[in-house]
Protein backbone atom coordinates (compact mmCIF):
# COMPACT_ATOMS: atom_id res chain seq x y z
CA MET A 1 123.26 52.73 87.95
CA ALA A 2 119.58 52.73 87.65
CA THR A 3 117.91 55.33 85.14
CA THR A 4 116.27 58.23 85.68
CA GLN A 5 112.69 56.84 85.21
CA GLU A 6 113.94 53.87 87.68
CA VAL A 7 115.08 56.25 90.19
CA THR A 8 111.74 58.08 89.73
CA GLN A 9 109.63 54.68 89.88
CA GLN A 10 111.53 53.62 93.10
CA THR A 11 110.80 56.70 94.74
CA PRO A 12 106.66 57.71 95.53
CA ASP A 13 105.67 61.12 95.41
CA LEU A 14 104.83 63.46 97.82
CA PRO A 15 101.12 63.32 98.41
CA ARG A 16 99.22 66.37 96.92
CA VAL A 17 96.73 67.35 100.16
CA LEU A 18 96.69 70.87 100.61
CA GLY A 19 93.93 72.72 99.24
CA THR A 20 93.53 76.43 98.22
CA SER A 21 92.96 77.57 101.91
CA HIS A 22 95.76 75.95 103.05
CA ALA A 23 98.02 77.44 100.18
CA THR A 24 96.82 80.88 100.88
CA ALA A 25 97.55 80.43 104.38
CA ILE A 26 101.06 79.41 103.50
CA VAL A 27 101.57 83.01 101.53
CA VAL A 28 99.82 84.96 104.37
CA GLY A 29 101.44 83.41 107.49
CA THR A 30 104.87 83.08 105.84
CA ILE A 31 105.19 86.56 104.80
CA ILE A 32 103.65 88.22 108.18
CA GLY A 33 106.00 87.55 110.73
CA SER A 34 107.44 90.53 113.22
CA GLY A 35 108.19 92.89 110.23
CA ILE A 36 105.07 94.65 109.91
CA PHE A 37 105.09 95.77 113.87
CA LEU A 38 109.10 96.97 113.26
CA VAL A 39 109.50 98.52 109.89
CA PRO A 40 107.59 101.79 110.72
CA HIS A 41 110.23 102.68 112.46
CA GLU A 42 113.11 102.05 109.90
CA MET A 43 110.80 103.43 107.18
CA ILE A 44 110.06 106.85 108.94
CA ARG A 45 113.79 107.25 109.52
CA ALA A 46 114.49 106.61 106.36
CA VAL A 47 111.84 109.04 104.26
CA GLY A 48 110.46 111.29 106.99
CA SER A 49 107.08 111.45 105.94
CA SER A 50 103.72 109.49 105.80
CA GLY A 51 103.06 110.20 102.58
CA LEU A 52 106.66 108.63 101.44
CA VAL A 53 106.28 105.90 103.99
CA TYR A 54 102.92 104.73 101.82
CA LEU A 55 104.64 105.18 98.56
CA ALA A 56 106.94 102.84 99.72
CA TRP A 57 104.49 100.27 100.91
CA ILE A 58 102.68 100.78 97.60
CA VAL A 59 105.44 100.59 95.52
CA GLY A 60 106.85 97.68 97.35
CA GLY A 61 103.61 95.63 97.65
CA LEU A 62 103.16 96.03 93.62
CA LEU A 63 106.62 94.52 92.91
CA SER A 64 106.17 91.78 95.22
CA LEU A 65 102.61 91.16 93.23
CA PHE A 66 104.60 91.46 89.96
CA GLY A 67 106.82 88.87 91.30
CA ALA A 68 103.97 86.46 92.56
CA MET A 69 102.08 86.83 89.20
CA THR A 70 105.13 85.70 86.98
CA TYR A 71 105.70 82.80 89.88
CA ALA A 72 102.11 81.89 89.36
CA GLU A 73 103.07 81.40 85.55
CA LEU A 74 105.82 79.27 86.11
CA GLY A 75 104.18 77.45 89.30
CA ALA A 76 100.79 76.48 87.81
CA MET A 77 103.20 75.19 84.33
CA MET A 78 105.70 72.91 86.47
CA PRO A 79 103.68 72.82 89.90
CA TYR A 80 106.68 70.24 91.64
CA ALA A 81 108.51 70.07 94.81
CA GLY A 82 111.27 72.36 94.92
CA GLY A 83 109.41 75.69 93.39
CA GLU A 84 112.57 78.28 91.84
CA TYR A 85 115.14 75.02 91.63
CA VAL A 86 112.89 73.44 89.32
CA TYR A 87 112.23 76.65 87.34
CA ILE A 88 116.06 77.36 87.40
CA ARG A 89 117.18 73.92 86.30
CA LYS A 90 114.86 73.48 83.52
CA ALA A 91 115.34 76.75 82.11
CA TYR A 92 119.16 77.33 82.79
CA GLY A 93 120.81 73.71 83.37
CA ASP A 94 122.03 71.73 86.58
CA LEU A 95 124.76 74.18 87.82
CA PRO A 96 122.63 77.05 88.30
CA ALA A 97 119.69 75.08 89.85
CA PHE A 98 122.34 73.29 92.06
CA LEU A 99 124.20 76.66 93.37
CA TYR A 100 120.25 77.96 93.97
CA MET A 101 119.94 74.83 95.85
CA TRP A 102 123.27 75.11 97.75
CA THR A 103 122.84 78.35 98.61
CA TRP A 104 119.36 77.76 100.42
CA PHE A 105 120.47 74.53 102.18
CA ALA A 106 123.89 75.54 103.24
CA VAL A 107 122.98 79.44 104.35
CA ALA A 108 119.59 80.91 103.52
CA LYS A 109 117.34 78.88 105.31
CA PRO A 110 119.20 77.41 107.97
CA ALA A 111 119.94 81.22 108.92
CA SER A 112 116.66 82.45 108.44
CA ILE A 113 114.93 79.48 110.98
CA ALA A 114 117.64 80.43 113.19
CA SER A 115 117.09 84.26 112.88
CA VAL A 116 113.10 83.63 113.24
CA THR A 117 113.69 81.43 116.50
CA SER A 118 115.90 83.67 118.11
CA GLY A 119 113.26 86.61 117.46
CA LEU A 120 110.79 84.47 118.61
CA ALA A 121 112.85 84.38 122.13
CA ARG A 122 113.50 87.98 122.05
CA THR A 123 109.74 88.93 121.65
CA LEU A 124 108.48 86.23 124.28
CA ALA A 125 111.39 88.22 126.73
CA ILE A 126 109.43 91.17 126.68
CA PHE A 127 106.91 89.40 128.99
CA GLY A 128 108.00 88.97 132.72
CA VAL A 129 107.40 85.04 133.02
CA PHE A 130 109.84 84.82 129.92
CA ALA A 131 112.47 87.16 131.35
CA TRP A 132 115.01 84.20 131.83
CA LEU A 133 115.30 83.43 128.15
CA GLU A 134 117.55 86.64 128.37
CA GLN A 135 119.86 84.82 131.08
CA PRO A 136 122.98 82.81 130.42
CA VAL A 137 122.98 79.26 131.20
CA PHE A 138 126.74 79.51 131.78
CA HIS A 139 129.72 81.35 131.19
CA GLY A 140 133.06 80.11 129.64
CA SER A 141 135.19 80.81 126.70
CA THR A 142 131.96 81.32 125.06
CA VAL A 143 128.37 82.19 126.45
CA LEU A 144 125.29 80.10 125.91
CA TYR A 145 121.87 81.75 126.55
CA TRP A 146 118.55 80.39 127.41
CA SER A 147 117.13 82.02 124.55
CA GLN A 148 119.55 79.92 122.07
CA LEU A 149 118.19 76.70 124.11
CA PHE A 150 114.48 77.88 123.49
CA ALA A 151 115.46 78.56 119.79
CA ILE A 152 116.65 75.42 118.90
CA ALA A 153 113.69 73.60 120.96
CA ALA A 154 111.39 75.70 118.75
CA THR A 155 113.08 74.48 115.79
CA TRP A 156 112.44 70.71 116.74
CA LEU A 157 109.25 71.29 117.35
CA ILE A 158 107.79 72.77 114.22
CA THR A 159 110.25 70.23 112.62
CA GLY A 160 108.76 67.35 114.11
CA LEU A 161 105.28 68.89 113.30
CA ASN A 162 106.44 69.12 109.74
CA TYR A 163 107.91 65.48 110.02
CA LEU A 164 104.38 63.84 110.78
CA GLY A 165 103.21 65.15 107.55
CA ILE A 166 102.59 68.35 105.65
CA LYS A 167 98.73 68.16 106.42
CA LYS A 168 99.09 68.06 110.12
CA ALA A 169 101.57 71.12 109.56
CA GLY A 170 99.50 73.17 106.63
CA ASP A 171 96.42 72.69 108.82
CA PHE A 172 98.24 74.40 111.68
CA GLN A 173 99.29 77.08 109.27
CA LEU A 174 95.58 78.07 108.52
CA PHE A 175 94.46 77.62 111.75
CA PHE A 176 97.18 80.14 113.08
CA THR A 177 97.27 82.22 109.88
CA TRP A 178 93.79 83.25 110.71
CA LEU A 179 93.96 83.92 114.42
CA LYS A 180 97.23 86.38 113.87
CA GLY A 181 95.36 88.09 110.72
CA VAL A 182 92.23 88.64 113.38
CA LEU A 183 94.70 89.80 116.11
CA ILE A 184 96.05 92.36 113.53
CA VAL A 185 92.71 93.41 112.66
CA ILE A 186 91.90 93.89 116.60
CA ILE A 187 94.89 95.93 117.21
CA ALA A 188 94.22 98.23 114.29
CA VAL A 189 90.63 98.76 115.47
CA PHE A 190 91.71 99.49 119.28
CA CYS A 191 93.91 102.19 117.40
CA PHE A 192 91.51 103.64 115.18
CA THR A 193 88.52 103.81 117.77
CA SER A 194 90.68 105.37 120.62
CA HIS A 195 90.44 108.76 121.73
CA THR A 196 94.25 109.43 121.79
CA GLY A 197 94.77 109.34 117.99
CA SER A 198 94.61 111.88 115.37
CA LEU A 199 94.94 112.55 111.96
CA LYS A 200 96.93 115.40 112.56
CA ASN A 201 99.67 112.86 113.08
CA PHE A 202 99.61 111.77 109.28
CA ASN A 203 101.28 115.33 108.66
CA THR A 204 103.71 115.32 111.12
CA SER A 205 107.32 114.64 109.81
CA PHE A 206 110.49 113.28 110.83
CA THR A 207 113.38 115.98 110.55
CA GLY A 208 116.08 113.49 111.05
CA SER A 209 115.40 111.30 108.05
CA GLN A 210 117.80 110.09 105.45
CA GLY A 211 115.97 111.49 102.78
CA GLY A 212 116.33 111.38 99.13
CA PHE A 213 116.37 108.39 96.51
CA GLY A 214 118.97 106.62 99.25
CA GLY A 215 116.29 106.92 102.03
CA PHE A 216 113.62 105.78 99.73
CA MET A 217 115.67 102.63 98.79
CA VAL A 218 116.15 101.88 102.64
CA ALA A 219 112.59 102.11 103.21
CA MET A 220 111.82 99.94 100.10
CA ILE A 221 114.18 97.28 101.21
CA ALA A 222 112.41 97.42 104.30
CA VAL A 223 109.00 97.06 102.64
CA LEU A 224 110.12 94.12 100.46
CA TRP A 225 111.64 92.51 103.76
CA ALA A 226 108.29 92.50 105.30
CA TYR A 227 106.73 91.29 102.17
CA ASP A 228 109.12 88.43 101.80
CA GLY A 229 108.05 85.00 101.74
CA TRP A 230 105.47 84.84 98.93
CA ASN A 231 107.68 82.63 97.29
CA ASP A 232 107.85 79.90 99.38
CA LEU A 233 104.62 78.46 98.17
CA THR A 234 106.11 77.41 95.28
CA MET A 235 108.63 74.96 96.88
CA VAL A 236 105.66 72.72 98.09
CA ALA A 237 103.78 73.00 95.05
CA GLY A 238 104.18 69.26 94.60
CA GLU A 239 101.97 68.97 97.68
CA VAL A 240 99.19 71.34 96.43
CA LYS A 241 95.99 69.95 94.99
CA ARG A 242 94.74 71.61 91.76
CA PRO A 243 97.86 73.59 91.39
CA GLU A 244 96.92 75.09 88.05
CA ARG A 245 94.27 76.89 89.92
CA SER A 246 95.20 76.98 93.66
CA LEU A 247 98.81 78.50 93.10
CA PRO A 248 97.89 81.20 91.35
CA VAL A 249 94.80 82.02 93.41
CA ALA A 250 96.82 81.84 96.95
CA LEU A 251 99.92 83.71 95.53
CA ILE A 252 97.81 86.54 94.12
CA ALA A 253 95.28 86.77 96.66
CA GLY A 254 97.60 86.23 99.43
CA LEU A 255 99.64 89.32 98.50
CA PHE A 256 96.45 91.24 98.40
CA ILE A 257 95.09 89.97 102.32
CA VAL A 258 98.71 90.80 103.36
CA GLY A 259 98.83 94.14 101.79
CA ALA A 260 95.38 95.04 103.45
CA LEU A 261 96.67 93.87 106.68
CA TYR A 262 100.36 95.63 106.59
CA MET A 263 98.57 99.20 105.15
CA ALA A 264 95.76 99.08 107.82
CA THR A 265 98.44 98.34 110.44
CA ASN A 266 100.76 101.44 109.27
CA ALA A 267 97.77 103.59 109.59
CA ALA A 268 97.01 102.24 113.11
CA ILE A 269 100.24 103.12 114.42
CA GLN A 270 100.54 106.64 112.77
CA TYR A 271 97.03 107.62 113.72
CA ILE A 272 98.04 107.08 117.31
CA LEU A 273 101.81 108.37 116.98
CA PRO A 274 103.52 111.14 115.23
CA ALA A 275 106.33 110.33 112.84
CA ALA A 276 109.13 111.51 115.45
CA GLN A 277 107.74 109.27 118.35
CA ILE A 278 107.53 106.16 115.42
CA ALA A 279 111.28 107.11 114.46
CA ALA A 280 112.11 107.09 118.28
CA SER A 281 110.64 103.66 119.18
CA PRO A 282 112.20 99.88 117.93
CA ARG A 283 108.65 98.76 118.06
CA PRO A 284 106.10 101.17 117.22
CA ALA A 285 103.19 99.14 117.27
CA VAL A 286 103.87 98.15 121.05
CA THR A 287 104.38 101.97 121.95
CA ALA A 288 101.16 102.49 119.99
CA MET A 289 99.28 100.30 122.03
CA ALA A 290 100.69 101.00 125.07
CA VAL A 291 99.41 104.64 124.54
CA VAL A 292 95.76 103.27 123.77
CA SER A 293 95.25 100.95 126.22
CA GLY A 294 98.26 100.84 128.41
CA HIS A 295 100.24 97.38 129.59
CA ALA A 296 97.25 95.45 128.49
CA GLY A 297 97.48 96.80 124.81
CA ALA A 298 101.50 96.26 124.71
CA VAL A 299 100.77 92.46 125.75
CA LEU A 300 98.34 92.37 123.00
CA VAL A 301 101.17 93.32 120.47
CA SER A 302 103.70 91.53 121.71
CA ALA A 303 101.33 88.31 121.49
CA ALA A 304 100.72 88.76 118.35
CA MET A 305 104.09 89.29 117.80
CA ALA A 306 104.98 86.21 118.93
CA LEU A 307 102.20 84.27 117.42
CA SER A 308 103.24 85.67 113.55
CA ILE A 309 106.77 84.81 114.02
CA PHE A 310 105.56 80.92 115.25
CA VAL A 311 103.48 80.71 112.12
CA THR A 312 106.24 82.04 109.79
CA LEU A 313 108.76 79.59 111.23
CA ASN A 314 106.15 76.74 110.33
CA GLY A 315 106.27 77.95 106.98
CA THR A 316 109.66 78.47 106.70
CA ILE A 317 110.64 74.70 107.89
CA MET A 318 107.84 73.21 105.52
CA SER A 319 109.07 75.21 102.10
CA GLY A 320 112.93 74.92 102.74
CA ALA A 321 113.04 71.18 103.23
CA ARG A 322 111.46 70.61 99.61
CA ILE A 323 114.42 71.88 97.97
CA PRO A 324 117.29 69.58 98.67
CA PHE A 325 114.60 67.02 98.33
CA ALA A 326 113.76 67.74 94.72
CA ALA A 327 117.63 67.95 93.94
CA ALA A 328 118.20 64.59 95.12
CA ARG A 329 115.25 63.20 93.45
CA ASP A 330 117.55 64.56 90.38
CA ARG A 331 120.47 63.15 91.50
CA LEU A 332 122.02 66.57 91.98
CA PHE A 333 122.24 66.18 95.81
CA PHE A 334 122.89 63.39 98.44
CA GLN A 335 119.99 60.54 97.49
CA LYS A 336 119.21 60.21 101.29
CA MET A 337 117.61 63.49 100.65
CA ALA A 338 114.97 62.47 98.72
CA HIS A 339 114.00 59.82 101.42
CA ILE A 340 110.40 60.16 101.98
CA HIS A 341 108.80 58.65 105.44
CA PRO A 342 106.82 55.48 104.49
CA ARG A 343 104.19 56.56 107.16
CA PHE A 344 103.99 60.32 107.16
CA GLN A 345 104.51 60.69 103.92
CA SER A 346 107.06 63.80 104.41
CA PRO A 347 110.72 64.21 103.40
CA SER A 348 111.77 63.38 106.71
CA THR A 349 115.76 63.36 105.94
CA SER A 350 115.58 66.36 104.41
CA LEU A 351 113.34 67.82 107.35
CA VAL A 352 116.13 66.34 110.25
CA VAL A 353 119.55 67.64 108.34
CA GLN A 354 117.70 71.17 107.95
CA ALA A 355 116.81 71.21 111.88
CA VAL A 356 120.52 70.18 112.43
CA LEU A 357 122.16 72.91 110.45
CA SER A 358 119.88 75.54 112.03
CA THR A 359 120.66 74.00 115.46
CA LEU A 360 124.66 74.24 115.01
CA LEU A 361 124.06 77.89 113.75
CA LEU A 362 121.87 78.75 116.99
CA LEU A 363 124.58 77.09 119.04
CA VAL A 364 127.57 78.66 117.29
CA VAL A 365 126.07 82.26 116.92
CA GLY A 366 124.12 84.04 119.66
CA ARG A 367 122.80 87.14 117.48
CA PHE A 368 121.72 86.30 113.80
CA GLN A 369 121.31 89.86 112.23
CA GLN A 370 125.04 89.54 110.39
CA LEU A 371 124.46 85.94 109.30
CA PHE A 372 121.13 86.51 108.14
CA GLU A 373 122.67 89.34 105.80
CA LEU A 374 124.66 86.82 104.01
CA ALA A 375 121.57 85.37 102.13
CA ILE A 376 119.88 88.86 101.72
CA PHE A 377 121.66 89.57 98.50
CA ALA A 378 121.50 86.09 97.42
CA GLU A 379 117.81 86.18 97.94
CA TRP A 380 117.28 89.11 95.41
CA LEU A 381 119.95 87.14 93.13
CA PHE A 382 117.92 84.21 92.64
CA TYR A 383 114.85 86.40 92.66
CA MET A 384 115.82 87.96 89.70
CA ILE A 385 117.05 84.77 87.77
CA THR A 386 114.30 82.89 88.52
CA ALA A 387 111.59 85.40 87.23
CA THR A 388 113.81 85.76 83.90
CA THR A 389 112.83 82.17 83.25
CA ILE A 390 109.69 83.30 82.22
CA PHE A 391 110.92 84.75 78.98
CA VAL A 392 113.27 81.54 78.15
CA TYR A 393 109.75 79.27 78.54
CA ARG A 394 107.50 82.11 76.43
CA LYS A 395 109.98 81.79 73.78
CA ARG A 396 111.36 77.82 74.10
CA GLN A 397 107.75 76.29 74.80
CA PRO A 398 105.41 78.96 73.41
CA ASP A 399 102.91 75.86 72.79
CA THR A 400 103.05 74.54 76.44
CA PRO A 401 99.73 74.47 77.94
CA ARG A 402 99.60 77.62 80.81
CA PRO A 403 96.58 77.32 83.10
CA TYR A 404 97.67 80.99 84.35
CA ARG A 405 99.45 83.49 82.15
CA VAL A 406 100.70 86.77 83.60
CA TRP A 407 98.83 89.79 83.13
CA GLY A 408 100.90 92.35 81.60
CA TYR A 409 103.89 90.09 79.86
CA PRO A 410 106.50 91.37 79.57
CA VAL A 411 106.46 94.30 80.77
CA LEU A 412 105.17 93.32 84.51
CA PRO A 413 108.18 90.36 84.94
CA ALA A 414 110.25 93.04 83.19
CA LEU A 415 109.65 95.52 86.13
CA PHE A 416 110.26 92.97 88.59
CA VAL A 417 113.65 91.65 87.14
CA LEU A 418 114.46 95.38 86.82
CA ALA A 419 113.28 96.24 90.72
CA SER A 420 115.39 93.12 92.18
CA ALA A 421 118.74 94.10 90.09
CA VAL A 422 118.33 97.38 91.56
CA LEU A 423 117.53 96.03 95.00
CA LEU A 424 120.58 93.52 94.41
CA TYR A 425 123.00 96.45 94.06
CA PHE A 426 121.52 98.53 96.82
CA SER A 427 121.64 95.51 99.36
CA TYR A 428 125.54 94.42 97.95
CA ALA A 429 126.74 97.71 98.33
CA GLU A 430 125.21 98.37 101.82
CA ASN A 431 126.50 94.86 102.99
CA LEU A 432 129.97 94.63 100.88
CA ARG A 433 131.30 92.42 103.06
CA ASN A 434 128.80 90.04 103.85
CA SER A 435 127.55 89.93 100.17
CA LEU A 436 131.31 89.06 99.34
CA ILE A 437 131.22 86.26 101.45
CA GLY A 438 127.88 85.07 100.63
CA THR A 439 128.95 85.11 97.23
CA GLY A 440 131.94 83.20 98.38
CA ILE A 441 129.60 80.43 99.64
CA ILE A 442 127.45 80.10 96.59
CA LEU A 443 130.68 79.65 94.56
CA ALA A 444 131.68 77.19 96.90
CA GLY A 445 129.13 74.69 96.15
CA ILE A 446 130.49 74.46 92.28
CA PRO A 447 133.45 71.55 93.70
CA LEU A 448 130.90 69.86 95.45
CA PHE A 449 128.76 69.96 92.25
CA LEU A 450 131.47 68.21 90.75
CA VAL A 451 131.59 65.47 93.13
CA ILE A 452 127.81 64.96 93.18
CA ARG A 453 128.09 64.79 89.23
CA ARG A 454 130.67 62.41 89.41
CA LYS A 455 128.94 60.31 91.84
CA TYR A 456 125.57 60.12 90.31
CA GLY A 457 126.13 60.77 87.07
CA THR A 458 123.53 63.22 84.86
CA ALA A 459 119.96 63.12 85.61
CA SER A 460 117.66 64.05 82.36
CA LEU A 461 115.81 67.25 82.85
CA SER A 462 112.68 65.34 82.01
CA SER A 463 112.73 63.62 85.33
């Protein structure tokens, strides 16, 4: 059997071709999907008042920032493909790292891709020219919709882009992230300059809200879902130039940019619509722009939503493929997953397998909210576990060079860990059945881990 050093020498590294601007675009572009256009509806129904909505945005943004700062230290210290997988493995060993990889490979990333692409299809179906997406292809024992086929096509289109190399995918991410940022600013400006708006709307409330601490936690979960995706950058850290500088800058600056765009959009919606109308509209941004500019305004927001989702899809596919790739290089997964395309220098096998799993989900299940909920609690579980590794490294490796040190250590990382635990509890309790199924899927990785270990042996943690 080849040694770990021999395996590493035989397998070339992925090229470091992404600059700081690309890295920042991955953070911003992956985070900003459809959430900002939708969650104001859920938030006002949960808390009832503008003041509490903004409090949730601020608290959620700060918690995400604390997490990003923690990850920035870890990423700058260990700038390798796989991100969280690497931090967990070096801190806690092979089995926890394998279960993280297994969860993302088998459920979280394919379900996320399937959810994003089907969301893109539903958003485009708003336009008359795409109304056919809601029509069935055929009826039988099961029904297959055109939206499912469209979602599959979108999955393979972006997978193909990433197959051609991360530089092309990174350039795509950079250009279209800037474009959707400009569209969001234009939407906010239209709202704030409209004579139909009023500052009095900020003082209105929705009397049918859930209210209380429970309602605030529902709003917080919505906010953190809207901020979700900042961790994806660490998964492609092995392809970022000057990662000791680029990763902290991109993570922290990216979240500040997202926070500013989110607050501006939320304020723009509330300037146009009173609280009760926001609560009644499932797409409050579309409703607000329809008030401001009629049908053309609604079309603009819908186009911005579609573009946002498309860019999020690119970041999700890009990052997801690096996790099984990294595990395979450590002999913790099937070795073919570590294959790098000789011409395009991309983890081609991992990308294709990820697209196949997403396609199977899109064919089997037409609506993905329930399936996506299987991964929500697992996501927060691994956020929490990953963040705790910073305490392990500070104690175990106090003299290791750290290009970036998280400000406020140990308080800020501890706050993020605590917040993750609280949200983990609430998401588990609110989706008990799906959370239990998700737990079962995670634990199902243990027998596979034993098979992989028996097949490939043990790799050194220094590999």
